[in-house]
Protein backbone atom coordinates (compact mmCIF):
# COMPACT_ATOMS: atom_id res chain seq x y z
CA MET A 1 0.00 0.00 0.00
CA THR A 2 1.38 3.41 -0.92
CA ASP A 3 0.73 6.91 0.35
CA ARG A 4 -1.12 7.58 -2.89
CA ASP A 5 -3.80 5.08 -1.85
CA HIS A 6 -4.76 7.36 1.04
CA GLU A 7 -4.75 10.64 -0.87
CA PRO A 8 -8.16 12.25 -1.39
CA MET A 9 -9.43 12.08 -4.96
CA ASP A 10 -9.89 15.33 -6.82
CA ASP A 11 -13.17 16.06 -8.65
CA GLU A 12 -11.80 15.01 -12.05
CA ALA A 13 -10.59 11.64 -10.74
CA MET A 14 -13.94 10.99 -9.09
CA GLU A 15 -15.82 11.68 -12.33
CA THR A 16 -13.75 9.22 -14.34
CA ARG A 17 -13.78 6.47 -11.74
CA PRO A 18 -15.88 3.51 -12.95
CA VAL A 19 -18.98 2.66 -10.97
CA ASP A 20 -19.61 -0.98 -10.10
CA ASP A 21 -23.38 -1.30 -10.58
CA GLU A 22 -23.33 -4.90 -9.31
CA ALA A 23 -22.01 -3.74 -5.92
CA ILE A 24 -24.78 -1.17 -5.59
CA GLY A 25 -27.54 -3.64 -6.36
CA PRO A 26 -30.69 -3.34 -8.42
CA ARG A 27 -32.39 0.02 -8.33
CA PRO A 28 -35.88 -0.06 -9.77
CA VAL A 29 -36.74 3.39 -11.04
CA ASP A 30 -39.83 2.94 -13.11
CA ASP A 31 -43.23 1.41 -12.64
CA ASP A 32 -42.46 -1.77 -14.58
CA ALA A 33 -39.20 -2.42 -12.73
CA ILE A 34 -40.86 -1.97 -9.34
CA ARG A 35 -43.84 -4.13 -10.37
CA THR A 36 -41.43 -6.88 -11.45
CA LEU A 37 -39.52 -6.67 -8.17
CA VAL A 38 -42.69 -6.71 -6.05
CA THR A 39 -44.10 -9.63 -8.07
CA ARG A 40 -40.89 -11.61 -7.55
CA LEU A 41 -40.76 -10.92 -3.80
CA SER A 42 -44.46 -11.32 -2.96
CA ARG A 43 -46.47 -14.40 -2.10
CA PRO A 44 -50.21 -15.16 -1.86
CA HIS A 45 -52.10 -13.73 1.11
CA ALA A 46 -55.21 -15.16 2.78
CA SER A 47 -57.20 -12.12 1.61
CA GLY A 48 -56.75 -13.19 -2.02
CA GLY A 49 -54.15 -10.53 -2.69
CA GLU A 50 -50.39 -10.62 -2.28
CA VAL A 51 -48.16 -9.99 0.72
CA ILE A 52 -44.58 -8.77 0.65
CA GLU A 53 -42.15 -8.76 3.55
CA ARG A 54 -40.46 -5.46 4.39
CA ALA A 55 -37.24 -7.38 5.04
CA ALA A 56 -37.37 -8.83 1.50
CA ILE A 57 -37.64 -5.33 0.04
CA LEU A 58 -34.66 -4.15 2.06
CA ALA A 59 -32.61 -7.29 1.28
CA ALA A 60 -33.23 -6.90 -2.46
CA GLY A 61 -31.05 -3.81 -2.45
CA ALA A 62 -33.73 -1.80 -4.19
CA ASP A 63 -34.66 1.79 -3.41
CA SER A 64 -36.95 0.77 -0.57
CA SER A 65 -38.64 4.15 -0.26
CA ALA A 66 -39.59 4.06 -3.96
CA VAL A 67 -40.91 0.50 -3.59
CA LEU A 68 -42.96 1.40 -0.49
CA THR A 69 -44.31 4.49 -2.26
CA TRP A 70 -45.29 2.28 -5.22
CA ILE A 71 -47.03 -0.18 -2.89
CA ALA A 72 -49.00 2.63 -1.22
CA ALA A 73 -49.93 4.12 -4.62
CA HIS A 74 -51.35 0.73 -5.67
CA ALA A 75 -53.65 0.38 -2.64
CA GLY A 76 -51.16 -1.67 -0.63
CA GLU A 77 -51.46 -1.35 3.11
CA PRO A 78 -49.24 -2.27 6.05
CA GLU A 79 -50.39 -5.45 7.72
CA ASP A 80 -51.67 -4.90 11.25
CA LEU A 81 -49.06 -5.62 13.86
CA ALA A 82 -49.84 -8.00 16.66
CA PRO A 83 -50.12 -6.05 19.90
CA THR A 84 -47.08 -6.29 22.09
CA ASP A 85 -47.29 -6.80 25.80
CA ALA A 86 -44.60 -4.23 26.57
CA ARG A 87 -46.58 -2.61 29.38
CA ARG A 88 -46.29 -5.40 31.89
CA GLY A 89 -46.14 -4.61 35.54
CA LEU A 90 -47.27 -1.77 37.73
CA HIS A 91 -45.27 0.96 36.00
CA GLY A 92 -45.08 -0.49 32.49
CA ALA A 93 -47.16 2.20 30.77
CA ARG A 94 -45.22 4.98 32.42
CA LEU A 95 -41.84 3.45 31.65
CA HIS A 96 -42.56 2.86 28.00
CA GLY A 97 -44.42 6.14 27.57
CA ASN A 98 -45.96 5.23 24.22
CA GLY A 99 -49.51 4.92 25.50
CA GLY A 100 -49.97 1.64 23.69
CA ALA A 101 -48.77 2.90 20.31
CA ASP A 102 -46.34 0.65 18.51
CA PRO A 103 -43.56 2.69 16.84
CA ARG A 104 -42.16 -0.28 14.89
CA ALA A 105 -42.31 -0.35 11.10
CA PRO A 106 -44.78 -2.86 9.64
CA LEU A 107 -43.26 -6.24 8.89
CA ARG A 108 -45.41 -6.91 5.82
CA TYR A 109 -47.46 -5.05 3.25
CA VAL A 110 -50.64 -6.47 1.70
CA LEU A 111 -51.64 -5.67 -1.87
CA PRO A 112 -55.22 -6.25 -3.04
CA ALA A 113 -55.99 -8.97 -5.57
CA GLY A 114 -55.23 -8.08 -9.17
CA VAL A 115 -52.70 -5.33 -8.56
CA LEU A 116 -49.73 -7.35 -9.76
CA SER A 117 -51.47 -8.91 -12.76
CA ARG A 118 -51.01 -7.16 -16.10
CA ALA A 119 -54.17 -5.62 -17.49
């Protein structure tokens, strides 16, 4: 390793440096790409629609905020979380201070039937 390896890159060197798209991962940017990703990651839900795990979206390396926005725009809704019993004991509600609200992100999102099928 040389001292040159630790030198900051100037703007010109940064512009010409190749970008490794494989290392970044897939980035769906349009409706069709997101639909394809969601179709691949989803599975049937008891409601007749499809369900997709939040963890699967994050693990896919996609732009998760764009995927979640797409899901919401296509009538997808977060699955209800099971209530937690975090307020146990005499002072549980005071210690947790959330008044029963669950600040966690939903684990799954449910899409209605027919959303992923091509019209």
